[in-house]
Amino acid sequence: MEITVEDFDKVDVHIGSVKSEVRILGSESASGVVLLQPTMQVKNGDKVF
């Protein structure tokens, strides 16, 4: 699986006083939201958010 992210906005997200740099990516598919992970496939070109 290959995922490419371009022009990713740098947004400071804080949980309490801790800065979080974790991003979770998913794809909106016909069956609902699928988190991007090696165990499931989505079609090339599906929207990633």
C-alpha atoms as a PDB file:
ATOM      1  CA  MET A   1       0.000   0.000   0.000  1.00  0.00           C
ATOM      2  CA  GLU A   2       1.296   3.443  -0.864  1.00  0.00           C
ATOM      3  CA  ILE A   3      -0.157   6.666   0.521  1.00  0.00           C
ATOM      4  CA  THR A   4       1.003  10.117  -0.529  1.00  0.00           C
ATOM      5  CA  VAL A   5      -0.043  13.325   1.219  1.00  0.00           C
ATOM      6  CA  GLU A   6       0.653  16.678  -0.424  1.00  0.00           C
ATOM      7  CA  ASP A   7       0.163  20.204   0.944  1.00  0.00           C
ATOM      8  CA  PHE A   8      -0.651  18.845   4.394  1.00  0.00           C
ATOM      9  CA  ASP A   9      -1.527  21.771   6.658  1.00  0.00           C
ATOM     10  CA  LYS A  10       0.606  22.052   9.776  1.00  0.00           C
ATOM     11  CA  VAL A  11      -1.963  22.475  12.518  1.00  0.00           C
ATOM     12  CA  ASP A  12      -1.024  22.484  16.184  1.00  0.00           C
ATOM     13  CA  VAL A  13      -3.424  20.148  17.951  1.00  0.00           C
ATOM     14  CA  HIS A  14      -3.257  19.969  21.736  1.00  0.00           C
ATOM     15  CA  ILE A  15      -4.826  17.415  24.051  1.00  0.00           C
ATOM     16  CA  GLY A  16      -4.630  19.259  27.346  1.00  0.00           C
ATOM     17  CA  SER A  17      -1.086  20.613  27.474  1.00  0.00           C
ATOM     18  CA  VAL A  18       0.348  17.878  25.212  1.00  0.00           C
ATOM     19  CA  LYS A  19       0.995  18.664  21.548  1.00  0.00           C
ATOM     20  CA  SER A  20      -0.311  15.862  19.305  1.00  0.00           C
ATOM     21  CA  GLU A  21       1.420  15.172  15.983  1.00  0.00           C
ATOM     22  CA  VAL A  22      -0.637  12.073  15.146  1.00  0.00           C
ATOM     23  CA  ARG A  23      -2.675  12.056  11.940  1.00  0.00           C
ATOM     24  CA  ILE A  24      -5.250   9.404  11.139  1.00  0.00           C
ATOM     25  CA  LEU A  25      -6.160   9.029   7.477  1.00  0.00           C
ATOM     26  CA  GLY A  26      -9.314   7.479   6.106  1.00  0.00           C
ATOM     27  CA  SER A  27     -11.161   7.174   2.831  1.00  0.00           C
ATOM     28  CA  GLU A  28     -14.850   7.830   2.243  1.00  0.00           C
ATOM     29  CA  SER A  29     -16.088   4.797   0.326  1.00  0.00           C
ATOM     30  CA  ALA A  30     -19.481   3.476  -0.713  1.00  0.00           C
ATOM     31  CA  SER A  31     -19.561   1.309   2.430  1.00  0.00           C
ATOM     32  CA  GLY A  32     -18.670   4.217   4.750  1.00  0.00           C
ATOM     33  CA  VAL A  33     -15.429   5.519   6.212  1.00  0.00           C
ATOM     34  CA  VAL A  34     -12.443   3.162   6.017  1.00  0.00           C
ATOM     35  CA  LEU A  35      -9.331   3.986   8.029  1.00  0.00           C
ATOM     36  CA  LEU A  36      -6.259   3.551   5.856  1.00  0.00           C
ATOM     37  CA  GLN A  37      -4.452   0.455   7.029  1.00  0.00           C
ATOM     38  CA  PRO A  38      -2.738  -2.470   5.324  1.00  0.00           C
ATOM     39  CA  THR A  39      -5.668  -4.863   5.923  1.00  0.00           C
ATOM     40  CA  MET A  40      -8.269  -3.123   3.701  1.00  0.00           C
ATOM     41  CA  GLN A  41      -8.118  -1.727   0.190  1.00  0.00           C
ATOM     42  CA  VAL A  42      -9.873   1.275  -1.324  1.00  0.00           C
ATOM     43  CA  LYS A  43     -10.038   2.317  -4.952  1.00  0.00           C
ATOM     44  CA  ASN A  44      -7.252   4.499  -6.319  1.00  0.00           C
ATOM     45  CA  GLY A  45      -8.452   8.089  -6.365  1.00  0.00           C
ATOM     46  CA  ASP A  46     -10.893   7.743  -3.431  1.00  0.00           C
ATOM     47  CA  LYS A  47     -10.992  10.867  -1.240  1.00  0.00           C
ATOM     48  CA  VAL A  48      -8.562  10.755   1.686  1.00  0.00           C
ATOM     49  CA  PHE A  49      -9.310  12.905   4.744  1.00  0.00           C
END
